[in-house]
N, C-alpha and C. Protein backbone atom coordinates (compact mmCIF):
# COMPACT_ATOMS: atom_id res chain seq x y z
N MET A 1 8.43 7.86 35.30
CA MET A 1 7.70 7.18 34.20
C MET A 1 6.10 7.22 34.50
N ARG A 2 5.46 7.53 33.45
CA ARG A 2 3.89 7.73 33.45
C ARG A 2 3.39 6.83 32.35
N VAL A 3 2.59 5.88 32.60
CA VAL A 3 1.82 4.99 31.56
C VAL A 3 0.45 5.17 31.84
N VAL A 4 -0.41 5.64 30.82
CA VAL A 4 -1.79 5.77 30.93
C VAL A 4 -2.48 5.08 29.89
N VAL A 5 -3.50 4.18 30.20
CA VAL A 5 -4.45 3.57 29.13
C VAL A 5 -5.79 4.24 29.49
N GLN A 6 -6.43 4.74 28.61
CA GLN A 6 -7.68 5.46 28.64
C GLN A 6 -8.60 5.51 27.55
N GLU A 7 -9.74 5.71 27.82
CA GLU A 7 -10.81 5.82 26.64
C GLU A 7 -10.94 7.24 26.19
N ALA A 8 -10.67 8.21 27.17
CA ALA A 8 -11.01 9.66 26.76
C ALA A 8 -9.91 10.13 25.98
N PRO A 9 -10.15 11.21 25.10
CA PRO A 9 -9.19 11.95 24.39
C PRO A 9 -8.26 12.61 25.41
N PHE A 10 -6.92 12.94 24.78
CA PHE A 10 -6.15 13.62 25.56
C PHE A 10 -5.68 14.86 24.92
N ASP A 11 -5.06 15.85 25.63
CA ASP A 11 -4.64 17.11 24.82
C ASP A 11 -3.18 16.90 24.84
N PHE A 12 -2.62 16.60 23.50
CA PHE A 12 -1.38 16.56 23.41
C PHE A 12 -0.43 17.70 23.61
N GLY A 13 -0.83 18.89 23.36
CA GLY A 13 -0.17 20.11 23.78
C GLY A 13 0.02 20.28 25.29
N ALA A 14 -1.05 19.97 25.89
CA ALA A 14 -0.86 20.08 27.50
C ALA A 14 -0.07 18.92 27.98
N GLU A 15 -0.11 17.76 27.55
CA GLU A 15 0.69 16.72 27.98
C GLU A 15 2.12 16.90 27.60
N ALA A 16 2.45 17.39 26.57
CA ALA A 16 3.96 17.58 26.12
C ALA A 16 4.43 18.79 27.00
N ALA A 17 3.59 19.88 27.21
CA ALA A 17 4.03 21.00 28.10
C ALA A 17 4.34 20.43 29.40
N ALA A 18 3.31 19.82 30.12
CA ALA A 18 3.57 19.17 31.54
C ALA A 18 4.90 18.36 31.36
N PHE A 19 5.00 17.63 30.45
CA PHE A 19 6.42 16.66 30.45
C PHE A 19 7.49 17.41 30.44
N ALA A 20 7.65 18.43 29.82
CA ALA A 20 8.80 19.25 29.63
C ALA A 20 9.04 20.32 30.98
N ARG A 21 7.92 20.60 31.54
CA ARG A 21 7.97 21.60 32.55
C ARG A 21 9.01 21.34 33.74
N GLY A 22 9.83 22.36 33.80
CA GLY A 22 10.85 22.39 34.83
C GLY A 22 12.10 21.48 34.78
N ARG A 23 12.18 20.81 33.57
CA ARG A 23 13.26 19.81 33.39
C ARG A 23 14.65 20.48 32.91
N THR A 24 15.28 21.10 33.83
CA THR A 24 16.63 21.76 33.42
C THR A 24 17.71 20.84 33.32
N ASP A 25 17.53 19.55 33.75
CA ASP A 25 18.58 18.52 33.75
C ASP A 25 18.78 17.74 32.62
N LEU A 26 17.73 17.96 31.67
CA LEU A 26 17.53 17.25 30.33
C LEU A 26 17.82 18.10 29.09
N GLY A 27 18.43 17.61 28.17
CA GLY A 27 18.71 18.45 26.94
C GLY A 27 17.93 18.04 25.84
N ALA A 28 17.09 16.96 26.01
CA ALA A 28 16.33 16.67 24.77
C ALA A 28 14.98 15.88 25.13
N ILE A 29 14.07 16.33 24.53
CA ILE A 29 12.69 15.94 24.52
C ILE A 29 11.94 15.42 23.32
N VAL A 30 11.61 14.27 23.16
CA VAL A 30 11.07 13.78 21.86
C VAL A 30 9.68 13.39 22.11
N THR A 31 8.72 13.97 21.29
CA THR A 31 7.27 13.58 21.47
C THR A 31 6.86 13.18 20.17
N PHE A 32 5.78 12.18 20.22
CA PHE A 32 5.26 11.49 19.08
C PHE A 32 3.79 11.15 19.43
N SER A 33 2.85 11.59 18.51
CA SER A 33 1.49 11.18 18.55
C SER A 33 1.01 10.39 17.37
N GLY A 34 0.24 9.28 17.70
CA GLY A 34 -0.29 8.37 16.66
C GLY A 34 -1.66 8.78 16.33
N ILE A 35 -1.89 8.92 15.14
CA ILE A 35 -3.38 9.10 14.77
C ILE A 35 -4.03 8.17 14.04
N VAL A 36 -5.27 7.88 14.24
CA VAL A 36 -6.07 6.83 13.55
C VAL A 36 -6.22 7.44 12.05
N ARG A 37 -5.54 6.62 11.13
CA ARG A 37 -5.73 7.08 9.74
C ARG A 37 -6.75 6.41 8.86
N ASP A 38 -7.16 7.09 7.93
CA ASP A 38 -8.15 6.54 6.98
C ASP A 38 -7.43 5.60 6.23
N VAL A 39 -7.91 4.55 5.89
CA VAL A 39 -7.29 3.44 4.90
C VAL A 39 -7.94 3.62 3.51
N ALA A 40 -7.47 2.82 2.61
CA ALA A 40 -7.87 2.77 1.19
C ALA A 40 -9.43 2.39 1.17
N ASP A 41 -9.77 1.59 2.09
CA ASP A 41 -11.22 0.91 2.11
C ASP A 41 -12.26 1.86 2.74
N GLY A 42 -11.77 3.15 3.25
CA GLY A 42 -12.68 4.00 3.88
C GLY A 42 -12.83 3.61 5.26
N LEU A 43 -11.97 3.81 6.11
CA LEU A 43 -12.12 3.47 7.58
C LEU A 43 -13.11 4.40 8.18
N SER A 44 -14.04 3.92 8.83
CA SER A 44 -15.06 4.65 9.54
C SER A 44 -14.79 4.78 11.25
N VAL A 45 -14.45 3.42 11.69
CA VAL A 45 -14.15 3.34 13.08
C VAL A 45 -13.17 2.40 13.23
N MET A 46 -12.22 2.62 14.35
CA MET A 46 -11.31 1.57 14.79
C MET A 46 -11.55 1.33 16.36
N GLU A 47 -11.88 0.06 16.70
CA GLU A 47 -12.29 -0.41 17.98
C GLU A 47 -10.91 -0.86 18.54
N ILE A 48 -10.49 -0.47 19.70
CA ILE A 48 -9.23 -0.99 20.46
C ILE A 48 -9.74 -1.51 21.80
N GLU A 49 -9.45 -2.74 21.94
CA GLU A 49 -9.52 -3.59 23.20
C GLU A 49 -8.49 -3.84 23.94
N HIS A 50 -8.52 -4.15 25.19
CA HIS A 50 -7.33 -4.45 26.07
C HIS A 50 -7.80 -5.10 27.31
N TYR A 51 -6.94 -5.67 28.14
CA TYR A 51 -7.23 -6.26 29.60
C TYR A 51 -6.79 -5.26 30.47
N PRO A 52 -7.51 -4.58 31.14
CA PRO A 52 -7.20 -3.59 32.34
C PRO A 52 -6.09 -4.34 33.15
N GLY A 53 -5.16 -3.67 33.66
CA GLY A 53 -4.32 -4.12 34.46
C GLY A 53 -3.12 -4.95 33.78
N MET A 54 -3.43 -5.91 32.96
CA MET A 54 -2.34 -6.54 32.24
C MET A 54 -1.76 -5.65 31.18
N THR A 55 -2.59 -4.73 30.55
CA THR A 55 -1.92 -3.94 29.47
C THR A 55 -0.92 -2.87 30.21
N GLU A 56 -1.53 -2.20 31.36
CA GLU A 56 -0.59 -1.27 31.95
C GLU A 56 0.78 -1.82 32.43
N LYS A 57 0.62 -3.05 33.03
CA LYS A 57 1.87 -3.71 33.43
C LYS A 57 2.96 -3.96 32.34
N ALA A 58 2.36 -4.31 31.11
CA ALA A 58 3.09 -4.71 29.93
C ALA A 58 3.92 -3.46 29.52
N LEU A 59 3.02 -2.33 29.46
CA LEU A 59 3.64 -0.90 29.12
C LEU A 59 4.68 -0.42 30.03
N GLU A 60 4.30 -0.54 31.40
CA GLU A 60 5.18 -0.17 32.32
C GLU A 60 6.63 -0.86 32.28
N LYS A 61 6.52 -2.28 31.91
CA LYS A 61 7.66 -3.08 31.77
C LYS A 61 8.53 -2.51 30.69
N ILE A 62 7.94 -2.31 29.50
CA ILE A 62 8.72 -1.78 28.28
C ILE A 62 9.23 -0.35 28.70
N ALA A 63 8.45 0.55 29.14
CA ALA A 63 8.85 1.81 29.47
C ALA A 63 10.09 1.78 30.52
N ALA A 64 10.07 0.83 31.43
CA ALA A 64 11.33 0.71 32.35
C ALA A 64 12.45 0.16 31.55
N GLU A 65 12.30 -0.67 30.57
CA GLU A 65 13.36 -1.19 29.81
C GLU A 65 13.87 -0.20 29.01
N ALA A 66 13.19 0.78 28.44
CA ALA A 66 13.68 2.09 27.74
C ALA A 66 14.47 2.95 28.60
N GLU A 67 13.85 3.25 29.83
CA GLU A 67 14.49 4.09 30.75
C GLU A 67 15.92 3.53 31.03
N ALA A 68 16.15 2.29 31.33
CA ALA A 68 17.42 1.67 31.60
C ALA A 68 18.38 1.77 30.31
N ARG A 69 17.81 1.35 29.32
CA ARG A 69 18.51 1.08 28.02
C ARG A 69 19.29 2.43 27.55
N TRP A 70 18.44 3.54 27.63
CA TRP A 70 18.92 4.78 27.13
C TRP A 70 19.06 5.82 28.09
N SER A 71 19.11 5.48 29.30
CA SER A 71 19.52 6.50 30.30
C SER A 71 18.49 7.64 30.34
N LEU A 72 17.38 7.49 30.27
CA LEU A 72 16.14 8.44 30.21
C LEU A 72 15.98 9.05 31.58
N GLY A 73 15.58 10.46 31.52
CA GLY A 73 15.22 10.87 32.72
C GLY A 73 13.77 10.87 32.83
N GLU A 74 13.03 10.60 31.86
CA GLU A 74 11.45 10.57 32.12
C GLU A 74 10.91 9.80 30.71
N VAL A 75 9.79 9.20 30.94
CA VAL A 75 9.01 8.50 29.89
C VAL A 75 7.52 8.71 30.07
N LEU A 76 6.94 8.98 29.07
CA LEU A 76 5.34 9.09 29.07
C LEU A 76 4.79 8.19 28.03
N VAL A 77 3.79 7.45 28.28
CA VAL A 77 3.18 6.53 27.30
C VAL A 77 1.61 6.77 27.62
N ILE A 78 0.98 7.14 26.68
CA ILE A 78 -0.60 7.45 26.71
C ILE A 78 -1.07 6.63 25.51
N HIS A 79 -2.05 5.71 25.77
CA HIS A 79 -2.58 4.93 24.77
C HIS A 79 -4.13 4.84 24.97
N ARG A 80 -4.87 5.05 23.96
CA ARG A 80 -6.29 5.00 24.02
C ARG A 80 -6.99 3.67 23.72
N HIS A 81 -8.30 3.48 24.23
CA HIS A 81 -8.81 2.28 23.63
C HIS A 81 -10.46 2.69 23.63
N GLY A 82 -11.18 1.88 23.10
CA GLY A 82 -12.43 2.12 22.71
C GLY A 82 -12.63 2.34 21.29
N ARG A 83 -13.84 3.12 20.85
CA ARG A 83 -14.30 3.38 19.57
C ARG A 83 -13.45 4.85 19.06
N LEU A 84 -12.65 4.70 18.15
CA LEU A 84 -11.95 5.82 17.66
C LEU A 84 -12.16 6.08 16.21
N GLU A 85 -12.42 7.28 15.69
CA GLU A 85 -12.66 7.64 14.35
C GLU A 85 -11.35 8.02 13.74
N ALA A 86 -11.33 8.09 12.43
CA ALA A 86 -10.16 8.46 11.60
C ALA A 86 -9.81 9.92 12.12
N GLY A 87 -8.62 10.30 12.26
CA GLY A 87 -8.22 11.68 12.64
C GLY A 87 -8.07 11.74 14.19
N GLU A 88 -8.61 10.85 14.92
CA GLU A 88 -8.47 10.99 16.43
C GLU A 88 -6.96 10.45 16.82
N GLN A 89 -6.52 11.05 17.99
CA GLN A 89 -5.25 10.58 18.40
C GLN A 89 -5.47 9.26 19.10
N ILE A 90 -4.65 8.31 18.87
CA ILE A 90 -4.63 6.94 19.46
C ILE A 90 -3.61 6.80 20.67
N MET A 91 -2.39 7.50 20.44
CA MET A 91 -1.46 7.33 21.50
C MET A 91 -0.51 8.51 21.43
N MET A 92 0.28 8.49 22.33
CA MET A 92 1.45 9.55 22.49
C MET A 92 2.76 8.81 23.37
N VAL A 93 3.84 9.12 22.87
CA VAL A 93 5.09 8.88 23.52
C VAL A 93 5.73 10.06 23.64
N ALA A 94 6.46 10.11 24.83
CA ALA A 94 7.25 11.17 25.12
C ALA A 94 8.48 10.61 25.83
N THR A 95 9.77 11.01 25.40
CA THR A 95 11.05 10.64 26.18
C THR A 95 11.84 11.90 26.37
N ALA A 96 12.56 11.73 27.49
CA ALA A 96 13.49 12.87 27.71
C ALA A 96 14.92 12.21 28.25
N SER A 97 15.96 12.89 27.62
CA SER A 97 17.26 12.58 28.01
C SER A 97 18.15 13.60 27.95
N ARG A 98 19.47 13.35 28.38
CA ARG A 98 20.43 14.52 28.39
C ARG A 98 20.91 14.90 27.03
N HIS A 99 20.74 13.78 26.11
CA HIS A 99 21.24 13.90 24.75
C HIS A 99 20.17 13.31 23.71
N ARG A 100 20.03 13.97 22.75
CA ARG A 100 18.87 13.78 21.76
C ARG A 100 19.04 12.49 21.22
N LYS A 101 20.13 11.77 20.82
CA LYS A 101 20.09 10.47 20.38
C LYS A 101 19.35 9.49 21.29
N HIS A 102 19.52 9.49 22.59
CA HIS A 102 18.83 8.60 23.42
C HIS A 102 17.43 8.93 23.38
N ALA A 103 16.98 9.96 23.34
CA ALA A 103 15.56 10.40 23.37
C ALA A 103 14.79 9.82 22.16
N PHE A 104 15.55 10.14 21.03
CA PHE A 104 14.96 9.71 19.76
C PHE A 104 14.95 8.21 19.71
N GLU A 105 16.09 7.48 19.92
CA GLU A 105 15.97 6.12 19.87
C GLU A 105 15.07 5.53 20.86
N ALA A 106 14.91 5.79 22.21
CA ALA A 106 13.90 5.32 23.13
C ALA A 106 12.59 5.59 22.49
N ALA A 107 12.31 6.64 21.95
CA ALA A 107 10.94 6.96 21.44
C ALA A 107 10.54 5.96 20.44
N GLU A 108 11.39 5.78 19.39
CA GLU A 108 11.22 4.74 18.35
C GLU A 108 11.21 3.40 18.83
N PHE A 109 11.83 3.05 19.76
CA PHE A 109 11.74 1.63 20.39
C PHE A 109 10.37 1.57 21.01
N LEU A 110 10.00 2.55 21.73
CA LEU A 110 8.63 2.42 22.42
C LEU A 110 7.39 2.39 21.35
N MET A 111 7.64 3.19 20.37
CA MET A 111 6.63 3.19 19.38
C MET A 111 6.51 1.89 18.50
N ASP A 112 7.73 1.21 18.23
CA ASP A 112 7.74 0.07 17.56
C ASP A 112 7.06 -1.05 18.36
N TYR A 113 7.40 -1.02 19.75
CA TYR A 113 6.83 -1.99 20.63
C TYR A 113 5.19 -1.80 20.60
N LEU A 114 4.87 -0.57 20.78
CA LEU A 114 3.38 -0.43 20.88
C LEU A 114 2.65 -0.71 19.55
N LYS A 115 3.35 -0.77 18.43
CA LYS A 115 2.57 -1.05 17.19
C LYS A 115 2.54 -2.57 16.96
N SER A 116 3.32 -3.22 17.37
CA SER A 116 3.38 -4.79 17.23
C SER A 116 3.28 -5.68 18.42
N ARG A 117 3.72 -5.31 19.58
CA ARG A 117 3.66 -6.13 20.78
C ARG A 117 2.79 -5.78 21.94
N ALA A 118 2.50 -4.62 22.05
CA ALA A 118 1.61 -4.07 23.12
C ALA A 118 0.26 -4.88 23.22
N PRO A 119 -0.22 -5.29 24.27
CA PRO A 119 -1.47 -6.04 24.22
C PRO A 119 -2.80 -5.28 24.00
N PHE A 120 -2.96 -4.76 22.81
CA PHE A 120 -4.13 -4.18 22.43
C PHE A 120 -4.58 -4.87 21.28
N TRP A 121 -5.94 -4.98 20.98
CA TRP A 121 -6.57 -5.63 19.87
C TRP A 121 -7.28 -4.71 19.21
N LYS A 122 -6.92 -4.46 17.85
CA LYS A 122 -7.59 -3.45 16.98
C LYS A 122 -8.32 -4.02 15.98
N LYS A 123 -9.81 -3.55 15.87
CA LYS A 123 -10.58 -3.83 14.96
C LYS A 123 -11.05 -2.64 13.98
N GLU A 124 -10.75 -2.89 12.69
CA GLU A 124 -11.34 -1.70 11.79
C GLU A 124 -12.45 -2.06 11.13
N HIS A 125 -13.29 -1.01 11.11
CA HIS A 125 -14.50 -0.92 10.31
C HIS A 125 -14.39 -0.23 9.16
N THR A 126 -14.49 -0.82 8.00
CA THR A 126 -14.42 -0.09 6.75
C THR A 126 -15.61 -0.25 5.83
N GLU A 127 -15.78 0.36 4.76
CA GLU A 127 -16.72 0.19 3.86
C GLU A 127 -16.63 -1.20 3.26
N ALA A 128 -15.50 -1.78 3.19
CA ALA A 128 -15.41 -3.21 2.73
C ALA A 128 -15.88 -4.30 3.75
N GLY A 129 -15.94 -3.82 4.95
CA GLY A 129 -16.20 -4.85 6.08
C GLY A 129 -15.50 -4.58 7.46
N THR A 130 -15.37 -5.46 8.35
CA THR A 130 -14.77 -5.38 9.46
C THR A 130 -13.70 -6.55 9.76
N GLY A 131 -12.63 -6.10 10.18
CA GLY A 131 -11.66 -7.16 10.48
C GLY A 131 -10.54 -6.74 11.53
N TRP A 132 -10.02 -7.67 12.21
CA TRP A 132 -8.90 -7.42 13.10
C TRP A 132 -7.58 -7.02 12.34
N VAL A 133 -6.81 -6.17 13.07
CA VAL A 133 -5.49 -5.61 12.49
C VAL A 133 -4.37 -6.42 13.10
N ASP A 134 -3.59 -6.99 12.33
CA ASP A 134 -2.33 -7.73 12.69
C ASP A 134 -1.14 -6.94 12.26
N ALA A 135 -0.08 -7.00 13.21
CA ALA A 135 1.23 -6.52 12.81
C ALA A 135 1.67 -6.94 11.39
N THR A 136 2.31 -5.94 10.81
CA THR A 136 2.73 -6.17 9.35
C THR A 136 4.06 -6.67 9.46
N GLU A 137 4.68 -7.29 8.26
CA GLU A 137 5.95 -7.45 8.18
C GLU A 137 6.88 -6.28 8.43
N GLU A 138 6.52 -5.16 7.93
CA GLU A 138 7.26 -3.87 8.17
C GLU A 138 7.35 -3.75 9.77
N ASP A 139 6.30 -3.90 10.49
CA ASP A 139 6.31 -3.65 12.00
C ASP A 139 7.10 -4.61 12.69
N GLU A 140 7.11 -5.83 12.17
CA GLU A 140 7.89 -6.91 12.78
C GLU A 140 9.51 -6.62 12.47
N ALA A 141 9.90 -6.16 11.32
CA ALA A 141 11.17 -5.78 10.82
C ALA A 141 11.63 -4.60 11.82
N ALA A 142 10.70 -3.54 12.05
CA ALA A 142 11.16 -2.51 12.81
C ALA A 142 11.48 -2.86 14.15
N LEU A 143 10.74 -3.79 14.81
CA LEU A 143 11.09 -4.30 16.11
C LEU A 143 12.27 -5.02 16.30
N LYS A 144 12.68 -5.79 15.13
CA LYS A 144 13.94 -6.64 15.19
C LYS A 144 15.26 -5.60 15.27
N ARG A 145 15.10 -4.40 15.01
CA ARG A 145 16.27 -3.52 15.21
C ARG A 145 16.66 -3.38 16.57
N TRP A 146 15.75 -3.76 17.64
CA TRP A 146 16.18 -3.50 18.92
C TRP A 146 16.41 -4.80 19.65
């Protein structure tokens, strides 16, 4: 398991290649990258805050839960913080398992957790003003599946 919280951009292709390299024991690798999207009000910047140490521990705990629940061979979670503009990568999840169903379900579980429960605070700066981002009803419903 590898959990990284960083301000700097990451190379999705290089991370995915390194994650898969040499894994002949696993039959499925699922990768996902979240991108800061422009919103109807013209998003210019998203600021992401976190508490160093606490955030990593929380992400490690949920990654360990995914490993145990879906018999994963490997898990990677990268999440950025700081000022991000529309179009920039905000996070990456990768899961590896002997079978694709486990890898897909575990990746979805991790993404749902990161979207609504991970200890990050997001502030959007738009043409209409600035405001904190809350989890939506759709985000909460997705998390209830697990």
